[in-house]
């Protein structure tokens, strides 16, 4: 779980950037987008094979 604490009068923009980087590193946004719609298992296999072939 991504978590960022701001101490005192810390810079909110810097904390937000740090939070976004943590979310990206943990793959939270990617998982969320994948779970928005149901993807059939056969489609997942095709996409996986396509990525593997691509490089």
PDB file of N, CA and C in Angstrom:
ATOM      1  N   UNK A   1       0.839  -1.165   0.000  1.00  0.00           N
ATOM      2  CA  UNK A   1       0.000   0.000   0.000  1.00  0.00           C
ATOM      3  C   UNK A   1       0.890   1.236   0.000  1.00  0.00           C
ATOM      4  N   UNK A   2       0.674   2.095  -0.955  1.00  0.00           N
ATOM      5  CA  UNK A   2       1.469   3.318  -1.077  1.00  0.00           C
ATOM      6  C   UNK A   2       1.050   4.307   0.004  1.00  0.00           C
ATOM      7  N   UNK A   3       2.042   4.888   0.647  1.00  0.00           N
ATOM      8  CA  UNK A   3       1.759   5.830   1.718  1.00  0.00           C
ATOM      9  C   UNK A   3       2.867   6.868   1.785  1.00  0.00           C
ATOM     10  N   UNK A   4       2.469   8.135   1.909  1.00  0.00           N
ATOM     11  CA  UNK A   4       3.427   9.227   2.014  1.00  0.00           C
ATOM     12  C   UNK A   4       2.978  10.124   3.160  1.00  0.00           C
ATOM     13  N   UNK A   5       3.908  10.504   4.024  1.00  0.00           N
ATOM     14  CA  UNK A   5       3.569  11.415   5.117  1.00  0.00           C
ATOM     15  C   UNK A   5       4.246  12.758   4.883  1.00  0.00           C
ATOM     16  N   UNK A   6       3.524  13.811   5.221  1.00  0.00           N
ATOM     17  CA  UNK A   6       4.059  15.163   5.098  1.00  0.00           C
ATOM     18  C   UNK A   6       4.291  15.676   6.512  1.00  0.00           C
ATOM     19  N   UNK A   7       5.512  16.039   6.801  1.00  0.00           N
ATOM     20  CA  UNK A   7       5.839  16.519   8.137  1.00  0.00           C
ATOM     21  C   UNK A   7       5.818  18.042   8.168  1.00  0.00           C
ATOM     22  N   UNK A   8       5.169  18.580   9.187  1.00  0.00           N
ATOM     23  CA  UNK A   8       5.134  20.031   9.358  1.00  0.00           C
ATOM     24  C   UNK A   8       4.501  20.729   8.179  1.00  0.00           C
ATOM     25  N   UNK A   9       5.201  21.695   7.632  1.00  0.00           N
ATOM     26  CA  UNK A   9       4.698  22.458   6.487  1.00  0.00           C
ATOM     27  C   UNK A   9       5.357  21.941   5.207  1.00  0.00           C
ATOM     28  N   UNK A  10       5.357  20.624   5.052  1.00  0.00           N
ATOM     29  CA  UNK A  10       5.992  20.008   3.896  1.00  0.00           C
ATOM     30  C   UNK A  10       5.341  20.402   2.585  1.00  0.00           C
ATOM     31  N   UNK A  11       6.047  20.189   1.525  1.00  0.00           N
ATOM     32  CA  UNK A  11       5.588  20.532   0.190  1.00  0.00           C
ATOM     33  C   UNK A  11       4.602  19.474  -0.309  1.00  0.00           C
ATOM     34  N   UNK A  12       3.352  19.871  -0.497  1.00  0.00           N
ATOM     35  CA  UNK A  12       2.313  18.949  -0.937  1.00  0.00           C
ATOM     36  C   UNK A  12       2.604  18.411  -2.332  1.00  0.00           C
ATOM     37  N   UNK A  13       3.065  19.256  -3.231  1.00  0.00           N
ATOM     38  CA  UNK A  13       3.343  18.840  -4.606  1.00  0.00           C
ATOM     39  C   UNK A  13       4.407  17.749  -4.640  1.00  0.00           C
ATOM     40  N   UNK A  14       5.432  17.894  -3.829  1.00  0.00           N
ATOM     41  CA  UNK A  14       6.497  16.893  -3.775  1.00  0.00           C
ATOM     42  C   UNK A  14       5.955  15.576  -3.229  1.00  0.00           C
ATOM     43  N   UNK A  15       5.104  15.658  -2.213  1.00  0.00           N
ATOM     44  CA  UNK A  15       4.513  14.452  -1.624  1.00  0.00           C
ATOM     45  C   UNK A  15       3.600  13.753  -2.633  1.00  0.00           C
ATOM     46  N   UNK A  16       2.852  14.534  -3.402  1.00  0.00           N
ATOM     47  CA  UNK A  16       1.968  13.961  -4.412  1.00  0.00           C
ATOM     48  C   UNK A  16       2.776  13.235  -5.488  1.00  0.00           C
ATOM     49  N   UNK A  17       3.866  13.844  -5.911  1.00  0.00           N
ATOM     50  CA  UNK A  17       4.734  13.225  -6.912  1.00  0.00           C
ATOM     51  C   UNK A  17       5.319  11.921  -6.374  1.00  0.00           C
ATOM     52  N   UNK A  18       5.732  11.932  -5.121  1.00  0.00           N
ATOM     53  CA  UNK A  18       6.289  10.743  -4.488  1.00  0.00           C
ATOM     54  C   UNK A  18       5.235   9.636  -4.398  1.00  0.00           C
ATOM     55  N   UNK A  19       3.987  10.022  -4.063  1.00  0.00           N
ATOM     56  CA  UNK A  19       2.899   9.066  -3.977  1.00  0.00           C
ATOM     57  C   UNK A  19       2.611   8.434  -5.339  1.00  0.00           C
ATOM     58  N   UNK A  20       2.581   9.254  -6.378  1.00  0.00           N
ATOM     59  CA  UNK A  20       2.340   8.740  -7.724  1.00  0.00           C
ATOM     60  C   UNK A  20       3.423   7.752  -8.146  1.00  0.00           C
ATOM     61  N   UNK A  21       4.666   8.062  -7.816  1.00  0.00           N
ATOM     62  CA  UNK A  21       5.769   7.166  -8.163  1.00  0.00           C
ATOM     63  C   UNK A  21       5.631   5.831  -7.436  1.00  0.00           C
ATOM     64  N   UNK A  22       5.225   5.870  -6.177  1.00  0.00           N
ATOM     65  CA  UNK A  22       5.035   4.643  -5.423  1.00  0.00           C
ATOM     66  C   UNK A  22       3.908   3.811  -6.023  1.00  0.00           C
ATOM     67  N   UNK A  23       2.818   4.467  -6.402  1.00  0.00           N
ATOM     68  CA  UNK A  23       1.691   3.769  -7.028  1.00  0.00           C
ATOM     69  C   UNK A  23       2.126   3.115  -8.336  1.00  0.00           C
ATOM     70  N   UNK A  24       2.915   3.824  -9.113  1.00  0.00           N
ATOM     71  CA  UNK A  24       3.398   3.286 -10.381  1.00  0.00           C
ATOM     72  C   UNK A  24       4.306   2.085 -10.148  1.00  0.00           C
ATOM     73  N   UNK A  25       5.177   2.203  -9.171  1.00  0.00           N
ATOM     74  CA  UNK A  25       6.113   1.132  -8.864  1.00  0.00           C
ATOM     75  C   UNK A  25       5.387  -0.128  -8.397  1.00  0.00           C
ATOM     76  N   UNK A  26       4.314   0.045  -7.604  1.00  0.00           N
ATOM     77  CA  UNK A  26       3.548  -1.086  -7.091  1.00  0.00           C
ATOM     78  C   UNK A  26       2.540  -1.612  -8.111  1.00  0.00           C
ATOM     79  N   UNK A  27       2.298  -0.866  -9.179  1.00  0.00           N
ATOM     80  CA  UNK A  27       1.384  -1.314 -10.228  1.00  0.00           C
ATOM     81  C   UNK A  27      -0.077  -1.137  -9.870  1.00  0.00           C
ATOM     82  N   UNK A  28      -0.381  -0.237  -8.963  1.00  0.00           N
ATOM     83  CA  UNK A  28      -1.757  -0.039  -8.502  1.00  0.00           C
ATOM     84  C   UNK A  28      -2.650   0.462  -9.626  1.00  0.00           C
ATOM     85  N   UNK A  29      -2.201   1.445 -10.361  1.00  0.00           N
ATOM     86  CA  UNK A  29      -3.015   2.026 -11.438  1.00  0.00           C
ATOM     87  C   UNK A  29      -3.246   0.999 -12.544  1.00  0.00           C
ATOM     88  N   UNK A  30      -2.212   0.250 -12.870  1.00  0.00           N
ATOM     89  CA  UNK A  30      -2.324  -0.770 -13.915  1.00  0.00           C
ATOM     90  C   UNK A  30      -3.360  -1.831 -13.525  1.00  0.00           C
ATOM     91  N   UNK A  31      -3.319  -2.286 -12.275  1.00  0.00           N
ATOM     92  CA  UNK A  31      -4.288  -3.278 -11.800  1.00  0.00           C
ATOM     93  C   UNK A  31      -5.699  -2.720 -11.845  1.00  0.00           C
ATOM     94  N   UNK A  32      -5.832  -1.460 -11.432  1.00  0.00           N
ATOM     95  CA  UNK A  32      -7.150  -0.831 -11.434  1.00  0.00           C
ATOM     96  C   UNK A  32      -7.726  -0.788 -12.842  1.00  0.00           C
ATOM     97  N   UNK A  33      -6.924  -0.372 -13.811  1.00  0.00           N
ATOM     98  CA  UNK A  33      -7.398  -0.287 -15.190  1.00  0.00           C
ATOM     99  C   UNK A  33      -7.750  -1.664 -15.748  1.00  0.00           C
ATOM    100  N   UNK A  34      -6.975  -2.681 -15.377  1.00  0.00           N
ATOM    101  CA  UNK A  34      -7.261  -4.034 -15.845  1.00  0.00           C
ATOM    102  C   UNK A  34      -8.582  -4.541 -15.290  1.00  0.00           C
ATOM    103  N   UNK A  35      -8.908  -4.162 -14.066  1.00  0.00           N
ATOM    104  CA  UNK A  35     -10.105  -4.672 -13.398  1.00  0.00           C
ATOM    105  C   UNK A  35     -11.358  -3.861 -13.698  1.00  0.00           C
ATOM    106  N   UNK A  36     -11.250  -2.812 -14.470  1.00  0.00           N
ATOM    107  CA  UNK A  36     -12.425  -2.023 -14.818  1.00  0.00           C
ATOM    108  C   UNK A  36     -13.375  -2.813 -15.707  1.00  0.00           C
ATOM    109  N   UNK A  37     -12.834  -3.658 -16.548  1.00  0.00           N
ATOM    110  CA  UNK A  37     -13.650  -4.474 -17.448  1.00  0.00           C
ATOM    111  C   UNK A  37     -13.217  -5.925 -17.340  1.00  0.00           C
ATOM    112  N   UNK A  38     -14.153  -6.823 -17.596  1.00  0.00           N
ATOM    113  CA  UNK A  38     -13.835  -8.246 -17.588  1.00  0.00           C
ATOM    114  C   UNK A  38     -13.152  -8.611 -18.897  1.00  0.00           C
ATOM    115  N   UNK A  39     -12.055  -9.323 -18.783  1.00  0.00           N
ATOM    116  CA  UNK A  39     -11.340  -9.803 -19.959  1.00  0.00           C
ATOM    117  C   UNK A  39     -11.349 -11.320 -19.921  1.00  0.00           C
ATOM    118  N   UNK A  40     -11.806 -11.907 -20.996  1.00  0.00           N
ATOM    119  CA  UNK A  40     -11.870 -13.367 -21.043  1.00  0.00           C
ATOM    120  C   UNK A  40     -10.461 -13.949 -20.956  1.00  0.00           C
ATOM    121  N   UNK A  41     -10.323 -15.113 -20.341  1.00  0.00           N
ATOM    122  CA  UNK A  41      -9.002 -15.743 -20.225  1.00  0.00           C
ATOM    123  C   UNK A  41      -8.316 -15.963 -21.572  1.00  0.00           C
ATOM    124  N   UNK A  42      -9.091 -16.306 -22.596  1.00  0.00           N
ATOM    125  CA  UNK A  42      -8.494 -16.511 -23.916  1.00  0.00           C
ATOM    126  C   UNK A  42      -7.901 -15.207 -24.453  1.00  0.00           C
ATOM    127  N   UNK A  43      -8.578 -14.099 -24.197  1.00  0.00           N
ATOM    128  CA  UNK A  43      -8.081 -12.790 -24.635  1.00  0.00           C
ATOM    129  C   UNK A  43      -6.795 -12.434 -23.895  1.00  0.00           C
ATOM    130  N   UNK A  44      -6.754 -12.752 -22.586  1.00  0.00           N
ATOM    131  CA  UNK A  44      -5.547 -12.483 -21.802  1.00  0.00           C
ATOM    132  C   UNK A  44      -4.357 -13.264 -22.364  1.00  0.00           C
ATOM    133  N   UNK A  45      -4.604 -14.528 -22.739  1.00  0.00           N
ATOM    134  CA  UNK A  45      -3.527 -15.345 -23.302  1.00  0.00           C
ATOM    135  C   UNK A  45      -3.031 -14.763 -24.621  1.00  0.00           C
ATOM    136  N   UNK A  46      -3.970 -14.312 -25.459  1.00  0.00           N
ATOM    137  CA  UNK A  46      -3.580 -13.726 -26.743  1.00  0.00           C
ATOM    138  C   UNK A  46      -2.728 -12.478 -26.541  1.00  0.00           C
ATOM    139  N   UNK A  47      -3.135 -11.614 -25.608  1.00  0.00           N
ATOM    140  CA  UNK A  47      -2.387 -10.390 -25.340  1.00  0.00           C
ATOM    141  C   UNK A  47      -1.003 -10.710 -24.779  1.00  0.00           C
ATOM    142  N   UNK A  48      -0.935 -11.710 -23.912  1.00  0.00           N
ATOM    143  CA  UNK A  48       0.342 -12.097 -23.322  1.00  0.00           C
ATOM    144  C   UNK A  48       1.284 -12.629 -24.405  1.00  0.00           C
ATOM    145  N   UNK A  49       0.748 -13.459 -25.308  1.00  0.00           N
ATOM    146  CA  UNK A  49       1.563 -14.006 -26.393  1.00  0.00           C
ATOM    147  C   UNK A  49       2.024 -12.889 -27.328  1.00  0.00           C
ATOM    148  N   UNK A  50       1.161 -11.929 -27.557  1.00  0.00           N
ATOM    149  CA  UNK A  50       1.494 -10.801 -28.420  1.00  0.00           C
ATOM    150  C   UNK A  50       2.636  -9.979 -27.827  1.00  0.00           C
ATOM    151  N   UNK A  51       2.565  -9.718 -26.500  1.00  0.00           N
ATOM    152  CA  UNK A  51       3.646  -8.964 -25.835  1.00  0.00           C
ATOM    153  C   UNK A  51       4.943  -9.754 -25.851  1.00  0.00           C
ATOM    154  N   UNK A  52       4.859 -11.060 -25.621  1.00  0.00           N
ATOM    155  CA  UNK A  52       6.059 -11.898 -25.614  1.00  0.00           C
ATOM    156  C   UNK A  52       6.718 -11.914 -26.981  1.00  0.00           C
ATOM    157  N   UNK A  53       5.912 -11.987 -28.023  1.00  0.00           N
ATOM    158  CA  UNK A  53       6.410 -12.007 -29.402  1.00  0.00           C
ATOM    159  C   UNK A  53       7.050 -10.671 -29.778  1.00  0.00           C
ATOM    160  N   UNK A  54       6.417  -9.593 -29.278  1.00  0.00           N
ATOM    161  CA  UNK A  54       6.846  -8.245 -29.611  1.00  0.00           C
ATOM    162  C   UNK A  54       8.233  -7.954 -29.056  1.00  0.00           C
ATOM    163  N   UNK A  55       8.506  -8.465 -27.871  1.00  0.00           N
ATOM    164  CA  UNK A  55       9.858  -8.265 -27.417  1.00  0.00           C
ATOM    165  C   UNK A  55       9.999  -7.871 -26.043  1.00  0.00           C
TER     166      UNK A  55
END
